[in-house]
N, C-alpha and C. Protein backbone atom coordinates (compact mmCIF):
# COMPACT_ATOMS: atom_id res chain seq x y z
N MET A 1 96.44 29.35 2.24
CA MET A 1 96.48 30.57 3.01
C MET A 1 95.67 30.38 4.29
N ILE A 2 96.22 30.79 5.38
CA ILE A 2 95.55 30.65 6.68
C ILE A 2 94.51 31.76 6.85
N GLN A 3 93.37 31.41 7.40
CA GLN A 3 92.32 32.37 7.69
C GLN A 3 92.46 32.80 9.15
N TRP A 4 92.93 34.01 9.38
CA TRP A 4 93.25 34.46 10.72
C TRP A 4 92.06 34.43 11.67
N ALA A 5 90.88 34.66 11.18
CA ALA A 5 89.70 34.70 12.05
C ALA A 5 89.29 33.31 12.52
N GLU A 6 89.85 32.27 11.93
CA GLU A 6 89.39 30.91 12.23
C GLU A 6 90.39 30.07 13.01
N VAL A 7 91.52 30.62 13.43
CA VAL A 7 92.54 29.83 14.11
C VAL A 7 92.88 30.46 15.46
N PRO A 8 93.41 29.65 16.39
CA PRO A 8 93.89 30.22 17.65
C PRO A 8 95.07 31.16 17.39
N ILE A 9 95.12 32.23 18.17
CA ILE A 9 96.19 33.22 18.04
C ILE A 9 96.84 33.35 19.41
N TYR A 10 98.14 33.05 19.48
CA TYR A 10 98.87 33.08 20.73
C TYR A 10 99.91 34.19 20.69
N MET A 11 99.88 35.06 21.69
CA MET A 11 100.84 36.14 21.80
C MET A 11 101.87 35.79 22.87
N HIS A 12 103.13 35.82 22.50
CA HIS A 12 104.24 35.67 23.45
C HIS A 12 104.51 37.06 24.00
N ARG A 13 104.14 37.29 25.27
CA ARG A 13 104.17 38.65 25.81
C ARG A 13 105.57 39.18 26.07
N THR A 14 106.53 38.32 26.38
CA THR A 14 107.90 38.75 26.64
C THR A 14 108.58 39.15 25.34
N PRO A 15 109.32 40.26 25.33
CA PRO A 15 110.02 40.66 24.10
C PRO A 15 110.98 39.58 23.61
N VAL A 16 111.12 39.53 22.29
CA VAL A 16 111.95 38.53 21.63
C VAL A 16 113.06 39.25 20.86
N ASP A 17 114.23 38.64 20.84
CA ASP A 17 115.35 39.14 20.04
C ASP A 17 114.97 38.98 18.56
N PHE A 18 114.83 40.08 17.84
CA PHE A 18 114.35 40.01 16.46
C PHE A 18 115.41 39.59 15.46
N ARG A 19 116.58 39.21 15.92
CA ARG A 19 117.54 38.56 15.03
C ARG A 19 117.11 37.12 14.79
N LYS A 20 116.20 36.62 15.65
CA LYS A 20 115.68 35.26 15.46
C LYS A 20 114.78 35.23 14.24
N SER A 21 114.92 34.18 13.48
CA SER A 21 114.06 33.98 12.33
C SER A 21 113.17 32.78 12.63
N ILE A 22 112.78 32.06 11.62
CA ILE A 22 111.82 30.97 11.79
C ILE A 22 112.32 29.94 12.80
N ASN A 23 113.53 29.43 12.64
CA ASN A 23 114.01 28.37 13.53
C ASN A 23 114.09 28.83 14.99
N GLY A 24 114.57 30.03 15.22
CA GLY A 24 114.65 30.56 16.58
C GLY A 24 113.29 30.74 17.21
N LEU A 25 112.33 31.22 16.44
CA LEU A 25 110.97 31.39 16.95
C LEU A 25 110.29 30.04 17.19
N LEU A 26 110.60 29.05 16.34
CA LEU A 26 110.06 27.70 16.57
C LEU A 26 110.50 27.16 17.92
N MET A 27 111.75 27.43 18.28
CA MET A 27 112.25 26.97 19.58
C MET A 27 111.49 27.63 20.73
N ILE A 28 111.11 28.88 20.57
CA ILE A 28 110.33 29.57 21.60
C ILE A 28 108.93 28.97 21.69
N VAL A 29 108.31 28.69 20.54
CA VAL A 29 106.96 28.10 20.53
C VAL A 29 106.98 26.76 21.25
N GLU A 30 107.94 25.90 20.90
CA GLU A 30 108.00 24.57 21.52
C GLU A 30 108.48 24.63 22.96
N GLY A 31 109.51 25.43 23.24
CA GLY A 31 110.11 25.46 24.57
C GLY A 31 109.37 26.33 25.56
N ASP A 32 109.38 27.64 25.33
CA ASP A 32 108.77 28.59 26.27
C ASP A 32 107.25 28.52 26.31
N MET A 33 106.64 28.36 25.13
CA MET A 33 105.18 28.40 25.06
C MET A 33 104.56 27.02 25.23
N ALA A 34 105.36 25.96 25.09
CA ALA A 34 104.90 24.57 25.21
C ALA A 34 103.71 24.29 24.28
N LEU A 35 103.82 24.78 23.04
CA LEU A 35 102.78 24.58 22.03
C LEU A 35 103.41 23.93 20.80
N SER A 36 102.58 23.33 19.98
CA SER A 36 103.07 22.73 18.75
C SER A 36 103.07 23.76 17.63
N PRO A 37 104.22 24.02 17.02
CA PRO A 37 104.26 24.97 15.91
C PRO A 37 103.56 24.44 14.66
N PHE A 38 103.24 23.14 14.63
CA PHE A 38 102.57 22.55 13.48
C PHE A 38 101.05 22.64 13.57
N SER A 39 100.54 23.19 14.66
CA SER A 39 99.10 23.37 14.78
C SER A 39 98.67 24.53 13.88
N GLU A 40 97.42 24.56 13.55
CA GLU A 40 96.92 25.68 12.76
C GLU A 40 96.68 26.85 13.69
N SER A 41 97.76 27.55 14.01
CA SER A 41 97.73 28.67 14.95
C SER A 41 98.66 29.76 14.47
N LEU A 42 98.40 30.97 14.94
CA LEU A 42 99.32 32.08 14.72
C LEU A 42 100.07 32.31 16.02
N PHE A 43 101.37 32.55 15.92
CA PHE A 43 102.21 32.83 17.07
C PHE A 43 102.77 34.23 16.88
N VAL A 44 102.43 35.13 17.80
CA VAL A 44 102.75 36.55 17.67
C VAL A 44 103.88 36.91 18.63
N PHE A 45 104.90 37.61 18.10
CA PHE A 45 106.06 38.01 18.88
C PHE A 45 106.32 39.51 18.67
N GLY A 46 106.82 40.16 19.71
CA GLY A 46 107.18 41.56 19.61
C GLY A 46 108.61 41.79 20.07
N ASN A 47 109.21 42.88 19.61
CA ASN A 47 110.57 43.22 20.05
C ASN A 47 110.50 44.11 21.30
N ALA A 48 111.65 44.39 21.90
CA ALA A 48 111.70 45.15 23.15
C ALA A 48 111.20 46.58 22.99
N SER A 49 111.45 47.21 21.85
CA SER A 49 111.01 48.59 21.66
C SER A 49 109.56 48.69 21.18
N ARG A 50 108.93 47.55 20.91
CA ARG A 50 107.51 47.45 20.52
C ARG A 50 107.16 48.16 19.23
N ASP A 51 108.14 48.29 18.34
CA ASP A 51 107.83 48.89 17.04
C ASP A 51 107.85 47.85 15.92
N LYS A 52 108.08 46.59 16.29
CA LYS A 52 108.09 45.51 15.30
C LYS A 52 107.30 44.32 15.84
N ILE A 53 106.73 43.58 14.90
CA ILE A 53 105.96 42.40 15.26
C ILE A 53 106.26 41.31 14.23
N LYS A 54 106.36 40.07 14.71
CA LYS A 54 106.53 38.92 13.82
C LYS A 54 105.42 37.93 14.13
N ILE A 55 104.90 37.32 13.08
CA ILE A 55 103.85 36.32 13.21
C ILE A 55 104.31 35.08 12.46
N LEU A 56 104.32 33.97 13.18
CA LEU A 56 104.78 32.70 12.64
C LEU A 56 103.60 31.75 12.53
N TYR A 57 103.51 31.01 11.42
CA TYR A 57 102.48 29.98 11.30
C TYR A 57 102.91 28.92 10.29
N TRP A 58 102.30 27.76 10.44
CA TRP A 58 102.51 26.60 9.58
C TRP A 58 101.35 26.54 8.62
N ASP A 59 101.62 26.49 7.32
CA ASP A 59 100.53 26.44 6.33
C ASP A 59 100.37 25.07 5.67
N LYS A 60 100.86 24.04 6.33
CA LYS A 60 100.79 22.64 5.90
C LYS A 60 101.80 22.29 4.81
N THR A 61 102.55 23.27 4.32
CA THR A 61 103.62 22.98 3.36
C THR A 61 104.95 23.54 3.84
N GLY A 62 104.90 24.45 4.79
CA GLY A 62 106.11 25.08 5.32
C GLY A 62 105.74 26.17 6.30
N PHE A 63 106.74 26.72 6.95
CA PHE A 63 106.50 27.80 7.91
C PHE A 63 106.51 29.14 7.20
N CYS A 64 105.64 30.01 7.64
CA CYS A 64 105.53 31.36 7.10
C CYS A 64 105.85 32.35 8.22
N LEU A 65 106.54 33.41 7.88
CA LEU A 65 106.89 34.44 8.84
C LEU A 65 106.45 35.78 8.28
N TRP A 66 105.57 36.43 9.00
CA TRP A 66 105.04 37.73 8.62
C TRP A 66 105.68 38.76 9.54
N TYR A 67 106.11 39.89 9.00
CA TYR A 67 106.86 40.88 9.74
C TYR A 67 106.27 42.26 9.46
N LYS A 68 106.11 43.05 10.53
CA LYS A 68 105.63 44.42 10.36
C LYS A 68 106.48 45.35 11.21
N ARG A 69 106.92 46.46 10.61
CA ARG A 69 107.69 47.48 11.33
C ARG A 69 106.92 48.79 11.26
N LEU A 70 106.69 49.39 12.42
CA LEU A 70 106.04 50.69 12.46
C LEU A 70 107.10 51.78 12.31
N GLU A 71 106.77 52.81 11.58
CA GLU A 71 107.74 53.87 11.32
C GLU A 71 107.77 54.94 12.41
N LYS A 72 106.61 55.25 13.01
CA LYS A 72 106.59 56.36 13.97
C LYS A 72 105.75 56.07 15.20
N ASP A 73 105.45 54.84 15.49
CA ASP A 73 104.58 54.53 16.61
C ASP A 73 105.03 53.23 17.24
N LYS A 74 104.28 52.76 18.24
CA LYS A 74 104.59 51.51 18.91
C LYS A 74 103.31 50.69 19.03
N PHE A 75 103.49 49.36 19.03
CA PHE A 75 102.35 48.49 19.30
C PHE A 75 101.99 48.60 20.77
N LYS A 76 100.71 48.56 21.07
CA LYS A 76 100.24 48.61 22.45
C LYS A 76 100.27 47.19 23.00
N TRP A 77 101.41 46.82 23.59
CA TRP A 77 101.64 45.46 24.06
C TRP A 77 101.21 45.34 25.50
N PRO A 78 100.47 44.30 25.86
CA PRO A 78 100.05 44.13 27.26
C PRO A 78 101.26 43.97 28.18
N ARG A 79 101.32 44.75 29.23
CA ARG A 79 102.45 44.72 30.16
C ARG A 79 102.25 43.70 31.28
N THR A 80 101.01 43.39 31.58
CA THR A 80 100.74 42.44 32.66
C THR A 80 99.90 41.29 32.12
N GLY A 81 99.85 40.23 32.90
CA GLY A 81 99.06 39.06 32.49
C GLY A 81 99.95 37.86 32.29
N ASP A 82 99.36 36.83 31.76
CA ASP A 82 100.09 35.59 31.52
C ASP A 82 101.19 35.80 30.49
N ALA A 83 102.20 34.93 30.53
CA ALA A 83 103.31 35.01 29.58
C ALA A 83 102.83 34.74 28.16
N ILE A 84 101.77 33.95 28.04
CA ILE A 84 101.18 33.63 26.73
C ILE A 84 99.73 34.06 26.77
N LEU A 85 99.34 34.90 25.87
CA LEU A 85 97.95 35.36 25.80
C LEU A 85 97.28 34.74 24.59
N ASN A 86 96.06 34.28 24.77
CA ASN A 86 95.27 33.75 23.68
C ASN A 86 94.38 34.89 23.18
N LEU A 87 94.62 35.36 21.97
CA LEU A 87 93.89 36.51 21.43
C LEU A 87 92.74 36.06 20.55
N SER A 88 91.67 36.81 20.58
CA SER A 88 90.61 36.61 19.60
C SER A 88 91.03 37.29 18.30
N ALA A 89 90.35 36.96 17.22
CA ALA A 89 90.65 37.60 15.94
C ALA A 89 90.43 39.11 16.04
N GLU A 90 89.43 39.50 16.81
CA GLU A 90 89.14 40.92 16.99
C GLU A 90 90.28 41.62 17.74
N GLN A 91 90.77 41.00 18.82
CA GLN A 91 91.89 41.57 19.57
C GLN A 91 93.14 41.66 18.70
N PHE A 92 93.37 40.64 17.89
CA PHE A 92 94.51 40.63 16.99
C PHE A 92 94.42 41.79 16.00
N SER A 93 93.24 42.01 15.48
CA SER A 93 93.03 43.14 14.57
C SER A 93 93.28 44.46 15.29
N TRP A 94 92.81 44.57 16.53
CA TRP A 94 93.05 45.78 17.33
C TRP A 94 94.54 46.01 17.51
N LEU A 95 95.28 44.95 17.84
CA LEU A 95 96.72 45.05 18.04
C LEU A 95 97.40 45.59 16.79
N LEU A 96 97.07 45.03 15.63
CA LEU A 96 97.68 45.47 14.38
C LEU A 96 97.31 46.91 14.02
N ARG A 97 96.14 47.35 14.47
CA ARG A 97 95.68 48.72 14.18
C ARG A 97 96.20 49.72 15.20
N GLY A 98 96.88 49.25 16.27
CA GLY A 98 97.46 50.17 17.24
C GLY A 98 96.61 50.42 18.46
N LEU A 99 95.57 49.63 18.65
CA LEU A 99 94.71 49.82 19.82
C LEU A 99 95.21 48.97 20.99
N ASP A 100 94.93 49.41 22.20
CA ASP A 100 95.37 48.71 23.41
C ASP A 100 94.39 47.59 23.72
N ILE A 101 94.80 46.35 23.49
CA ILE A 101 93.89 45.22 23.68
C ILE A 101 93.58 44.98 25.14
N ALA A 102 94.41 45.46 26.06
CA ALA A 102 94.15 45.29 27.48
C ALA A 102 93.00 46.19 27.95
N LYS A 103 92.80 47.31 27.27
CA LYS A 103 91.76 48.25 27.68
C LYS A 103 90.44 48.06 26.93
N LEU A 104 90.51 47.52 25.72
CA LEU A 104 89.30 47.32 24.93
C LEU A 104 88.71 45.96 25.23
N LYS A 105 87.50 45.95 25.66
CA LYS A 105 86.82 44.69 25.91
C LYS A 105 85.40 44.82 25.35
N PRO A 106 85.01 43.91 24.48
CA PRO A 106 83.65 43.97 23.95
C PRO A 106 82.65 43.54 25.03
N HIS A 107 81.38 43.79 24.77
CA HIS A 107 80.33 43.33 25.68
C HIS A 107 80.38 41.82 25.77
N GLN A 108 80.12 41.31 26.95
CA GLN A 108 80.10 39.86 27.13
C GLN A 108 78.87 39.30 26.43
N GLU A 109 79.07 38.21 25.70
CA GLU A 109 77.96 37.57 24.99
C GLU A 109 77.04 36.89 25.99
N LYS A 110 75.76 36.98 25.74
CA LYS A 110 74.73 36.36 26.60
C LYS A 110 74.01 35.30 25.79
N TYR A 111 73.70 34.21 26.43
CA TYR A 111 72.98 33.13 25.79
C TYR A 111 71.74 32.80 26.61
N PHE A 112 70.57 32.87 25.97
CA PHE A 112 69.31 32.59 26.65
C PHE A 112 68.58 31.49 25.91
N SER A 113 67.73 30.79 26.63
CA SER A 113 66.94 29.74 25.98
C SER A 113 65.47 30.12 25.91
N VAL A 114 65.02 31.03 26.76
CA VAL A 114 63.63 31.49 26.72
C VAL A 114 63.59 32.99 26.91
N VAL A 115 62.50 33.61 26.42
CA VAL A 115 62.34 35.04 26.52
C VAL A 115 61.72 35.44 27.86
N GLY A 116 60.70 34.74 28.29
CA GLY A 116 59.94 35.15 29.46
C GLY A 116 60.34 34.46 30.66
């Protein structure tokens, strides 16, 4: 089982034809996204109406496809930005919960070596 918090998460921002299954989505990962579908990564796709989401990943024995359909709402999909977005685990969780990842930004982490 893949641990979502520990792997890169890539969002394909352009809507995808949801008649595509694993093989069709693999072609998008390799072709449009120029990424390896065999990496330990999650690949996130949305449909044009933004009420469905598919997540593709390789679990070292085969490809897995996770699908979610919202009954009365829409996913808050970023309208602007790069064609491929690299999401943090936190942003991915926000997306699944219905929050707008483009508007939510956590405080920037600070790293110091001395106090005074």
